[in-house]
């Protein structure tokens, strides 16, 4: 996939989204997570296009070439769901197939739960589905990680995280990508780290990048965050209470459309809640989970770390949609 494909700028839900648009056929939207861009799907775009689909991969609002509205609430889940539905409308489709990774996964899970008539099927990567809980996720993190550092708590106050990451974007991204991948050493995240500490100060900057990530890849990601900064992407984390307050329809909401879940066994997200199996919980809330694959040795950046395997799983999932109603 070329680093600078032909982009389209699409107006949807009050913002302009820069999108890669490839191919013809049923619509597949690929939604990225933090801190990434459309580029995190670079290995999947061509194969899915060549399998007979129109592939649309936006920079999520706040990232890269898309608009970055200023207010924190501009990044709530309702707004992001509206962006997805607006893209489906733009292409004149009644339904789309959704793929989402990291924050993209909750976006596509929740879009599917709330608007099943607009979604043909969906795949969530790295973050399992769960309906609205008894408390907001941010209150859950405050409870679980009381007196300890947890990055999502660190992100809540506007300013400090932006300043830390933007002081040296290249080093920040190298550290974040390395720390979250399956090639990083075990025990990298200290259990005794205190809330007042900064995120990056004790994370290693690898002398050599892992095999799945090249300096050219880093160059591209850096160029995107030089454009957008980190404020919009971090504002997504600052809406967890707002999302819980407003999206009451997600209480007990099931995933009724055909679904796929893929994650790395070394993905720390799967262990965010101690002594609780998030994947098994997800299975309770999905009616038609056709693929559920946990890939040994892989970490959080699953479609980049194991591109061939993830692409094959996604193509296999898409094939089931042609076999079953």
Protein backbone atom coordinates (compact mmCIF):
# COMPACT_ATOMS: atom_id res chain seq x y z
CA UNK A 1 0.00 0.00 0.00
CA UNK A 2 1.55 3.36 -0.96
CA UNK A 3 2.07 5.80 1.90
CA UNK A 4 0.21 8.54 -0.03
CA UNK A 5 -2.76 6.88 -1.75
CA UNK A 6 -5.52 8.80 -3.47
CA UNK A 7 -7.52 10.41 -0.69
CA UNK A 8 -11.06 11.73 -0.73
CA UNK A 9 -12.27 14.36 1.72
CA UNK A 10 -15.80 13.48 2.79
CA UNK A 11 -18.11 15.82 4.69
CA UNK A 12 -20.07 13.94 7.32
CA UNK A 13 -21.72 14.81 10.62
CA UNK A 14 -20.31 18.34 10.61
CA UNK A 15 -16.67 17.42 9.97
CA UNK A 16 -14.42 16.72 6.99
CA UNK A 17 -12.84 13.26 7.11
CA UNK A 18 -9.88 12.37 4.93
CA UNK A 19 -10.47 8.86 3.64
CA UNK A 20 -8.68 6.29 1.56
CA UNK A 21 -11.26 4.92 -0.89
CA UNK A 22 -10.42 1.81 -2.91
CA UNK A 23 -12.40 -0.66 -5.02
CA UNK A 24 -16.03 -1.42 -5.79
CA UNK A 25 -18.60 -3.67 -4.18
CA UNK A 26 -20.12 -3.97 -0.71
CA UNK A 27 -18.90 -1.19 1.58
CA UNK A 28 -16.26 -1.98 4.22
CA UNK A 29 -15.25 0.76 6.66
CA UNK A 30 -11.99 0.33 8.61
CA UNK A 31 -11.76 2.47 11.76
CA UNK A 32 -8.39 2.95 13.45
CA UNK A 33 -7.45 3.54 17.07
CA UNK A 34 -5.00 5.52 19.23
CA UNK A 35 -2.37 6.73 18.42
CA UNK A 36 -2.60 5.74 14.76
CA UNK A 37 -4.23 6.75 11.44
CA UNK A 38 -5.72 5.15 8.34
CA UNK A 39 -2.20 3.80 7.84
CA UNK A 40 -2.63 1.15 10.53
CA UNK A 41 -4.86 -0.73 8.03
CA UNK A 42 -2.30 -0.52 5.20
CA UNK A 43 -1.87 -4.31 5.00
CA UNK A 44 -5.60 -5.05 4.79
CA UNK A 45 -6.81 -2.42 2.30
CA UNK A 46 -5.54 -4.06 -0.89
CA UNK A 47 -6.55 -7.66 -0.11
CA UNK A 48 -10.07 -6.67 0.98
CA UNK A 49 -10.44 -4.45 -2.10
CA UNK A 50 -9.24 -7.28 -4.34
CA UNK A 51 -11.78 -9.63 -2.74
CA UNK A 52 -14.53 -7.49 -4.23
CA UNK A 53 -15.27 -4.73 -1.72
CA UNK A 54 -15.27 -0.96 -1.66
CA UNK A 55 -12.86 -0.15 1.18
CA UNK A 56 -13.09 3.20 2.94
CA UNK A 57 -10.54 4.02 5.64
CA UNK A 58 -10.89 7.41 7.33
CA UNK A 59 -8.57 9.28 9.56
CA UNK A 60 -10.83 9.43 12.61
CA UNK A 61 -11.78 12.99 13.56
CA UNK A 62 -8.83 14.62 15.32
CA UNK A 63 -6.22 12.66 13.37
CA UNK A 64 -4.03 13.28 10.33
CA UNK A 65 -5.87 14.91 7.46
CA UNK A 66 -9.31 15.00 9.09
CA UNK A 67 -10.85 17.92 10.96
CA UNK A 68 -9.95 18.29 14.62
CA UNK A 69 -12.77 20.18 16.34
CA UNK A 70 -11.69 21.89 19.56
CA UNK A 71 -14.17 20.82 22.24
CA UNK A 72 -13.71 17.71 24.37
CA UNK A 73 -17.32 16.66 23.79
CA UNK A 74 -16.73 16.69 20.02
CA UNK A 75 -15.06 13.31 20.54
CA UNK A 76 -17.83 11.55 22.42
CA UNK A 77 -19.09 8.18 21.22
CA UNK A 78 -22.28 9.66 19.77
CA UNK A 79 -20.22 11.92 17.49
CA UNK A 80 -17.99 9.09 16.33
CA UNK A 81 -20.96 6.81 15.65
CA UNK A 82 -22.49 9.69 13.68
CA UNK A 83 -19.32 9.91 11.58
CA UNK A 84 -19.58 6.22 10.70
CA UNK A 85 -23.26 6.44 9.79
CA UNK A 86 -22.55 9.57 7.76
CA UNK A 87 -19.91 7.73 5.72
CA UNK A 88 -22.39 4.94 4.98
CA UNK A 89 -24.91 7.55 3.84
CA UNK A 90 -22.32 9.34 1.71
CA UNK A 91 -21.76 6.21 -0.35
CA UNK A 92 -25.50 5.69 -0.75
CA UNK A 93 -25.54 2.39 1.08
CA UNK A 94 -28.17 1.03 3.42
CA UNK A 95 -25.61 -1.13 5.26
CA UNK A 96 -21.86 -1.48 5.64
CA UNK A 97 -19.39 -3.95 7.09
CA UNK A 98 -17.29 -2.40 9.87
CA UNK A 99 -13.77 -3.23 11.03
CA UNK A 100 -12.40 -1.45 14.10
CA UNK A 101 -9.17 -1.63 16.10
CA UNK A 102 -8.37 -0.18 19.55
CA UNK A 103 -10.80 2.78 20.00
CA UNK A 104 -12.10 1.87 16.57
CA UNK A 105 -13.39 -1.38 18.07
CA UNK A 106 -15.77 0.25 20.60
CA UNK A 107 -16.88 2.62 17.85
CA UNK A 108 -17.91 -0.27 15.59
CA UNK A 109 -19.25 -2.45 18.43
CA UNK A 110 -21.46 0.39 19.67
CA UNK A 111 -22.57 1.42 16.18
CA UNK A 112 -23.63 -2.17 15.59
CA UNK A 113 -25.40 -2.47 18.95
CA UNK A 114 -27.35 0.77 18.49
CA UNK A 115 -27.95 0.67 14.71
CA UNK A 116 -28.05 -3.00 13.68
CA UNK A 117 -30.18 -2.19 10.65
CA UNK A 118 -27.28 -0.17 9.18
CA UNK A 119 -24.59 -2.81 9.73
CA UNK A 120 -24.21 -6.01 7.70
CA UNK A 121 -21.45 -7.41 9.92
CA UNK A 122 -18.50 -6.23 12.00
CA UNK A 123 -15.04 -7.15 13.23
CA UNK A 124 -13.52 -5.81 16.44
CA UNK A 125 -9.77 -6.04 16.97
CA UNK A 126 -8.03 -5.93 20.37
CA UNK A 127 -10.94 -4.52 22.42
CA UNK A 128 -13.80 -6.95 23.23
CA UNK A 129 -17.40 -5.83 23.38
CA UNK A 130 -19.22 -5.18 26.60
CA UNK A 131 -22.54 -3.38 27.06
CA UNK A 132 -22.96 -0.36 29.33
CA UNK A 133 -21.92 -1.32 32.85
CA UNK A 134 -23.11 -0.29 36.29
CA UNK A 135 -20.56 2.53 36.28
CA UNK A 136 -18.62 4.37 33.60
CA UNK A 137 -15.34 2.86 32.45
CA UNK A 138 -13.43 5.85 33.81
CA UNK A 139 -14.95 5.30 37.26
CA UNK A 140 -14.02 1.63 36.96
CA UNK A 141 -10.40 2.57 36.20
CA UNK A 142 -10.35 4.94 39.18
CA UNK A 143 -11.53 2.10 41.37
CA UNK A 144 -9.19 -0.59 40.01
CA UNK A 145 -6.12 1.63 39.75
CA UNK A 146 -6.58 3.74 42.88
CA UNK A 147 -3.16 5.00 44.01
CA UNK A 148 -1.43 3.67 40.87
CA UNK A 149 -0.57 5.06 37.48
CA UNK A 150 -2.95 4.12 34.67
CA UNK A 151 -2.55 5.83 31.35
CA UNK A 152 -6.27 6.54 30.83
CA UNK A 153 -6.38 8.34 34.18
CA UNK A 154 -3.25 10.28 33.22
CA UNK A 155 -5.01 11.40 30.03
CA UNK A 156 -8.02 12.94 31.81
CA UNK A 157 -6.58 16.38 32.51
CA UNK A 158 -6.09 18.30 29.24
CA UNK A 159 -2.51 19.39 28.77
CA UNK A 160 0.05 17.16 30.49
CA UNK A 161 -0.13 14.19 28.11
CA UNK A 162 -0.22 16.46 25.05
CA UNK A 163 2.89 18.27 26.26
CA UNK A 164 4.75 15.04 26.98
CA UNK A 165 4.00 13.43 23.62
CA UNK A 166 4.40 16.54 21.46
CA UNK A 167 7.79 17.40 22.96
CA UNK A 168 9.27 14.58 20.86
CA UNK A 169 6.65 12.89 18.70
CA UNK A 170 9.04 10.34 17.19
CA UNK A 171 10.29 9.10 20.55
CA UNK A 172 6.76 9.08 21.98
CA UNK A 173 5.40 6.92 19.15
CA UNK A 174 8.39 4.56 19.15
CA UNK A 175 7.97 3.98 22.88
CA UNK A 176 4.19 3.55 22.72
CA UNK A 177 4.25 1.17 19.76
CA UNK A 178 7.07 -0.89 21.23
CA UNK A 179 5.56 -1.07 24.72
CA UNK A 180 2.25 -2.34 23.35
CA UNK A 181 3.57 -4.95 20.94
CA UNK A 182 4.23 -8.63 21.43
CA UNK A 183 7.99 -8.13 21.00
CA UNK A 184 8.38 -6.06 24.17
CA UNK A 185 9.66 -7.73 27.34
CA UNK A 186 7.27 -8.93 30.01
CA UNK A 187 6.94 -6.78 33.11
CA UNK A 188 7.46 -3.57 31.16
CA UNK A 189 4.68 -1.73 33.00
CA UNK A 190 5.53 -1.15 36.66
CA UNK A 191 2.83 -2.02 39.18
CA UNK A 192 4.33 0.50 41.64
CA UNK A 193 4.20 3.48 39.28
CA UNK A 194 2.46 6.41 40.97
CA UNK A 195 -0.30 8.62 39.54
CA UNK A 196 1.92 11.72 39.45
CA UNK A 197 4.49 10.18 37.13
CA UNK A 198 4.60 10.67 33.37
CA UNK A 199 3.73 7.91 30.92
CA UNK A 200 6.88 7.72 28.82
CA UNK A 201 9.65 8.35 31.31
CA UNK A 202 10.25 4.69 32.22
CA UNK A 203 9.33 3.09 28.86
CA UNK A 204 12.26 1.92 26.72
CA UNK A 205 13.03 3.46 23.36
CA UNK A 206 14.11 0.38 21.38
CA UNK A 207 17.51 0.54 19.73
CA UNK A 208 16.02 -1.50 16.87
CA UNK A 209 12.39 -1.43 15.89
CA UNK A 210 10.48 -4.73 15.91
CA UNK A 211 10.22 -6.43 12.54
CA UNK A 212 6.62 -5.37 11.91
CA UNK A 213 7.44 -1.64 12.17
CA UNK A 214 9.92 0.19 9.93
CA UNK A 215 11.49 3.62 10.22
CA UNK A 216 9.46 4.55 7.13
CA UNK A 217 6.31 3.63 9.03
CA UNK A 218 7.39 5.78 11.96
CA UNK A 219 8.18 8.65 9.57
CA UNK A 220 4.62 8.55 8.27
CA UNK A 221 2.99 8.37 11.69
CA UNK A 222 5.17 11.26 12.91
CA UNK A 223 4.14 13.37 9.90
CA UNK A 224 0.48 12.80 10.76
CA UNK A 225 0.80 13.83 14.40
CA UNK A 226 2.84 16.86 13.39
CA UNK A 227 -0.30 17.90 11.48
CA UNK A 228 -2.93 17.05 14.05
CA UNK A 229 -1.19 17.06 17.42
CA UNK A 230 -2.51 14.85 20.22
CA UNK A 231 -5.34 16.96 21.66
CA UNK A 232 -8.17 15.51 19.56
CA UNK A 233 -7.03 11.89 19.92
CA UNK A 234 -6.65 12.28 23.70
CA UNK A 235 -10.07 13.92 23.98
CA UNK A 236 -11.61 10.54 23.12
CA UNK A 237 -10.44 9.28 26.53
CA UNK A 238 -12.02 12.31 28.22
CA UNK A 239 -15.55 11.32 27.20
CA UNK A 240 -15.95 8.07 29.09
CA UNK A 241 -18.25 9.56 31.71
CA UNK A 242 -20.21 11.48 29.08
CA UNK A 243 -20.63 8.33 27.00
CA UNK A 244 -21.96 6.41 30.01
CA UNK A 245 -24.35 9.21 30.94
CA UNK A 246 -25.77 9.63 27.44
CA UNK A 247 -25.75 6.16 25.88
CA UNK A 248 -28.16 4.47 28.25
CA UNK A 249 -29.49 2.42 25.32
CA UNK A 250 -26.29 0.36 25.54
CA UNK A 251 -27.44 -1.14 28.85
CA UNK A 252 -27.97 -4.82 28.08
CA UNK A 253 -27.43 -4.18 24.35
CA UNK A 254 -26.49 -7.26 22.36
CA UNK A 255 -24.52 -7.62 19.15
CA UNK A 256 -27.05 -9.25 16.84
CA UNK A 257 -25.13 -8.98 13.57
CA UNK A 258 -22.41 -11.44 12.41
CA UNK A 259 -19.25 -10.63 14.34
CA UNK A 260 -15.52 -11.34 14.41
CA UNK A 261 -12.99 -10.73 17.18
CA UNK A 262 -9.21 -10.88 16.82
CA UNK A 263 -6.58 -10.01 19.43
CA UNK A 264 -3.02 -10.78 20.44
CA UNK A 265 -2.52 -12.99 23.47
CA UNK A 266 0.01 -10.45 24.80
CA UNK A 267 -2.40 -7.54 24.43
CA UNK A 268 -2.58 -5.78 27.78
CA UNK A 269 -6.14 -4.58 27.09
CA UNK A 270 -7.38 -8.12 27.74
CA UNK A 271 -6.04 -7.84 31.30
CA UNK A 272 -7.30 -4.36 32.19
CA UNK A 273 -9.85 -5.82 34.61
CA UNK A 274 -8.13 -8.22 37.04
CA UNK A 275 -9.58 -11.72 37.38
CA UNK A 276 -12.19 -11.06 34.70
CA UNK A 277 -12.16 -12.63 31.25
CA UNK A 278 -13.22 -9.88 28.85
CA UNK A 279 -13.30 -12.25 25.87
CA UNK A 280 -15.61 -14.76 27.58
CA UNK A 281 -17.81 -11.88 28.70
CA UNK A 282 -17.99 -10.64 25.10
CA UNK A 283 -19.21 -14.05 23.97
CA UNK A 284 -22.21 -13.71 26.31
CA UNK A 285 -23.32 -10.58 24.45
CA UNK A 286 -22.77 -11.62 20.83
CA UNK A 287 -25.43 -13.67 19.05
CA UNK A 288 -23.40 -14.66 15.98
CA UNK A 289 -19.67 -14.62 16.76
CA UNK A 290 -18.30 -16.40 13.70
CA UNK A 291 -14.59 -15.80 14.34
CA UNK A 292 -12.83 -15.46 17.71
CA UNK A 293 -9.06 -15.74 17.39
CA UNK A 294 -6.40 -14.93 20.00
CA UNK A 295 -3.00 -14.94 18.28
CA UNK A 296 -0.06 -16.25 20.30
CA UNK A 297 2.93 -13.95 20.69
CA UNK A 298 1.16 -10.88 19.30
CA UNK A 299 0.40 -7.70 21.18
CA UNK A 300 -1.93 -4.76 20.76
CA UNK A 301 -1.15 -3.59 17.19
CA UNK A 302 -2.54 -6.83 15.87
CA UNK A 303 -3.26 -6.06 12.20
CA UNK A 304 0.23 -4.58 11.87
CA UNK A 305 2.09 -7.18 13.93
CA UNK A 306 0.48 -10.17 12.21
CA UNK A 307 -0.77 -8.72 8.91
CA UNK A 308 -1.01 -11.93 6.89
CA UNK A 309 -2.79 -13.84 9.64
CA UNK A 310 -5.23 -11.04 10.45
CA UNK A 311 -5.97 -10.41 6.77
CA UNK A 312 -6.68 -14.11 6.23
CA UNK A 313 -9.03 -14.17 9.23
CA UNK A 314 -10.89 -11.10 8.02
CA UNK A 315 -11.21 -12.47 4.48
CA UNK A 316 -12.45 -15.77 5.93
CA UNK A 317 -15.02 -13.88 7.98
CA UNK A 318 -16.18 -11.95 4.92
CA UNK A 319 -16.52 -15.23 3.04
CA UNK A 320 -19.01 -16.47 5.65
CA UNK A 321 -21.27 -13.53 4.84
CA UNK A 322 -21.62 -14.80 1.30
CA UNK A 323 -22.40 -18.31 2.51
CA UNK A 324 -24.99 -17.37 5.16
CA UNK A 325 -27.81 -14.84 5.19
